[in-house]
Protein backbone atom coordinates (compact mmCIF):
# COMPACT_ATOMS: atom_id res chain seq x y z
CA MET A 1 94.39 94.12 177.85
CA LYS A 2 94.42 91.40 180.48
CA ARG A 3 95.98 88.95 177.99
CA PHE A 4 98.98 91.26 177.50
CA GLU A 5 99.44 91.59 181.26
CA ALA A 6 99.12 87.81 181.68
CA LYS A 7 101.68 87.21 178.93
CA LEU A 8 104.21 89.50 180.64
CA LYS A 9 103.57 88.02 184.10
CA ASP A 10 104.15 84.57 182.61
CA TYR A 11 107.44 85.75 181.04
CA ILE A 12 108.60 87.17 184.39
CA SER A 13 107.73 83.90 186.14
CA ARG A 14 109.25 81.58 183.50
CA ASN A 15 112.50 83.57 183.50
CA ASP A 16 112.62 83.87 187.29
CA LEU A 17 113.01 87.65 187.15
CA ASP A 18 113.07 89.61 190.38
CA ALA A 19 110.29 91.96 189.29
CA GLU A 20 106.87 93.02 190.53
CA HIS A 21 103.95 93.36 188.09
CA LEU A 22 101.51 96.09 189.15
CA VAL A 23 98.02 96.69 187.73
CA PHE A 24 96.17 99.95 188.33
CA GLU A 25 92.63 101.26 187.84
CA VAL A 26 94.06 104.35 186.15
CA SER A 27 96.08 104.88 182.97
CA CYS A 28 99.88 104.63 183.02
CA HIS A 29 100.23 105.65 179.37
CA SER A 30 102.18 108.86 180.02
CA VAL A 31 105.12 109.28 182.37
CA GLU A 32 103.08 111.61 184.57
CA GLU A 33 100.14 109.19 184.76
CA ALA A 34 102.46 106.28 185.53
CA ALA A 35 104.28 108.21 188.25
CA ASN A 36 100.97 109.16 189.87
CA ALA A 37 99.65 105.59 189.68
CA ALA A 38 102.85 104.16 191.20
CA ASN A 39 103.00 106.94 193.81
CA SER A 40 106.50 107.68 192.54
CA SER A 41 108.53 110.38 190.82
CA PRO A 42 108.79 110.65 187.03
CA ASP A 43 112.54 110.18 187.62
CA ASN A 44 111.84 106.55 188.59
CA LEU A 45 109.99 105.79 185.36
CA VAL A 46 111.63 104.55 182.18
CA LYS A 47 110.28 104.98 178.67
CA ASN A 48 110.69 102.32 176.00
CA ILE A 49 110.79 104.22 172.72
CA CYS A 50 110.46 101.92 169.70
CA PHE A 51 112.28 102.62 166.44
CA ILE A 52 112.67 100.83 163.13
CA ASP A 53 115.97 100.75 161.21
CA GLU A 54 116.33 100.76 157.41
CA ASN A 55 116.07 96.94 157.38
CA GLY A 56 112.84 96.86 159.37
CA ASN A 57 114.48 95.75 162.63
CA LEU A 58 113.11 96.86 165.99
CA ILE A 59 115.30 99.02 168.21
CA VAL A 60 114.09 99.85 171.72
CA ALA A 61 115.65 102.88 173.39
CA ILE A 62 115.24 102.88 177.17
CA VAL A 63 115.62 106.25 178.88
CA LYS A 64 114.48 107.82 182.13
CA GLY A 65 110.96 109.15 181.95
CA THR A 66 112.13 112.75 182.03
CA ASP A 67 114.67 112.30 179.19
CA ARG A 68 114.31 112.34 175.41
CA VAL A 69 115.90 109.95 172.91
CA SER A 70 118.34 111.07 170.22
CA THR A 71 118.01 109.12 166.97
CA THR A 72 121.39 110.55 165.98
CA GLU A 73 122.99 108.91 169.05
CA ILE A 74 121.23 105.62 168.24
CA GLY A 75 122.55 105.78 164.68
CA LYS A 76 126.10 106.45 165.90
CA THR A 77 125.94 103.63 168.46
CA LEU A 78 124.70 101.06 165.92
CA ASN A 79 126.60 102.51 162.96
CA ILE A 80 123.37 102.97 160.97
CA ALA A 81 121.29 105.84 159.64
CA PRO A 82 119.13 107.38 162.37
CA PRO A 83 116.08 105.11 162.76
CA ARG A 84 112.48 106.24 162.43
CA ALA A 85 109.80 106.03 165.09
CA ALA A 86 107.73 102.84 164.96
CA THR A 87 104.00 103.18 164.36
CA PRO A 88 101.55 101.85 166.97
CA GLU A 89 100.75 98.97 164.58
CA GLU A 90 104.44 98.10 164.18
CA ILE A 91 104.94 98.28 167.95
CA LEU A 92 102.13 95.78 168.56
CA GLU A 93 103.33 93.51 165.74
CA LYS A 94 107.01 93.51 166.73
CA THR A 95 106.75 93.56 170.55
CA GLY A 96 103.45 91.78 171.07
CA TYR A 97 102.34 94.63 173.34
CA PRO A 98 100.23 97.75 172.72
CA CYS A 99 101.74 101.23 172.56
CA GLY A 100 101.63 102.71 176.05
CA GLY A 101 102.24 99.38 177.78
CA VAL A 102 105.43 98.12 176.14
CA PRO A 103 107.79 96.53 178.67
CA SER A 104 111.60 96.80 178.58
CA PHE A 105 112.01 93.05 177.91
CA GLY A 106 110.18 89.93 176.81
CA TYR A 107 110.43 90.14 173.01
CA SER A 108 113.08 90.23 170.30
CA ALA A 109 114.73 93.62 169.67
CA GLN A 110 118.00 95.51 169.89
CA PHE A 111 117.76 97.12 173.32
CA LEU A 112 119.75 100.25 174.12
CA ILE A 113 119.78 101.51 177.71
CA ASP A 114 120.88 105.01 178.63
CA PRO A 115 123.48 105.07 181.46
CA LYS A 116 121.22 107.32 183.58
CA VAL A 117 118.77 104.41 183.82
CA MET A 118 121.49 102.19 185.31
CA GLU A 119 122.14 104.74 188.09
CA MET A 120 118.72 104.02 189.63
CA ASP A 121 118.06 101.41 192.34
CA VAL A 122 114.60 100.58 191.02
CA VAL A 123 112.61 101.69 187.97
CA PHE A 124 109.07 101.31 186.72
CA THR A 125 108.61 100.20 183.11
CA GLY A 126 105.65 99.25 180.93
CA GLY A 127 103.61 96.37 182.30
CA GLY A 128 102.07 95.07 179.09
CA SER A 129 99.03 97.36 179.04
CA PRO A 130 98.31 101.07 179.49
CA ASN A 131 97.15 100.31 183.05
CA SER A 132 100.12 98.32 184.34
CA LEU A 133 103.79 98.68 185.24
CA VAL A 134 106.69 96.47 186.23
CA LYS A 135 108.86 97.45 189.19
CA ILE A 136 112.38 96.15 188.55
CA SER A 137 116.04 96.97 189.17
CA PRO A 138 117.95 98.27 186.14
CA VAL A 139 120.47 95.43 186.57
CA THR A 140 117.69 92.82 186.32
CA LEU A 141 116.14 94.73 183.41
CA GLN A 142 119.45 94.65 181.51
CA LYS A 143 119.91 90.96 182.30
CA ALA A 144 116.41 90.28 180.91
CA ASN A 145 116.89 92.16 177.64
CA LYS A 146 120.68 91.84 177.16
CA GLY A 147 120.69 95.56 176.41
CA VAL A 148 123.69 97.66 175.51
CA VAL A 149 124.33 100.55 177.91
CA THR A 150 125.16 103.63 175.86
CA LYS A 151 124.26 107.32 175.83
CA ILE A 152 121.12 107.72 173.73
CA ARG A 153 119.45 110.71 175.37
CA LYS A 154 119.34 114.24 173.97
């Protein structure tokens, strides 16, 4: 897992992102675990939910940790059929990161960011492994992934 964390830290450094990479001794796989590890509220966590469209393209929906993603809203936004959830194998292949540690940036995808995420001052997102997070402002996160801000939550 250290190689995934190192790869993300290198990306942050090379792209001069104002972000802090945090590594913990405990799991950050679930929103609750991540909030406990970061000594924060689940409201400050974002989830990166990976989907695949009918052409095999990766779509990453970024919502607050307490929210759920609507595939219907994603389909409407992109004018496509609702996408399907990516498998853990597809997530690793297409993002370069394991499920449970996927960051909100640093790989090729169509990124969609729910407006509630942009209301936050700072968020915690996947840090490249199930035991790490990145602390970043939503503005910097959007700059890093060139995401489209649109309602995608249920």
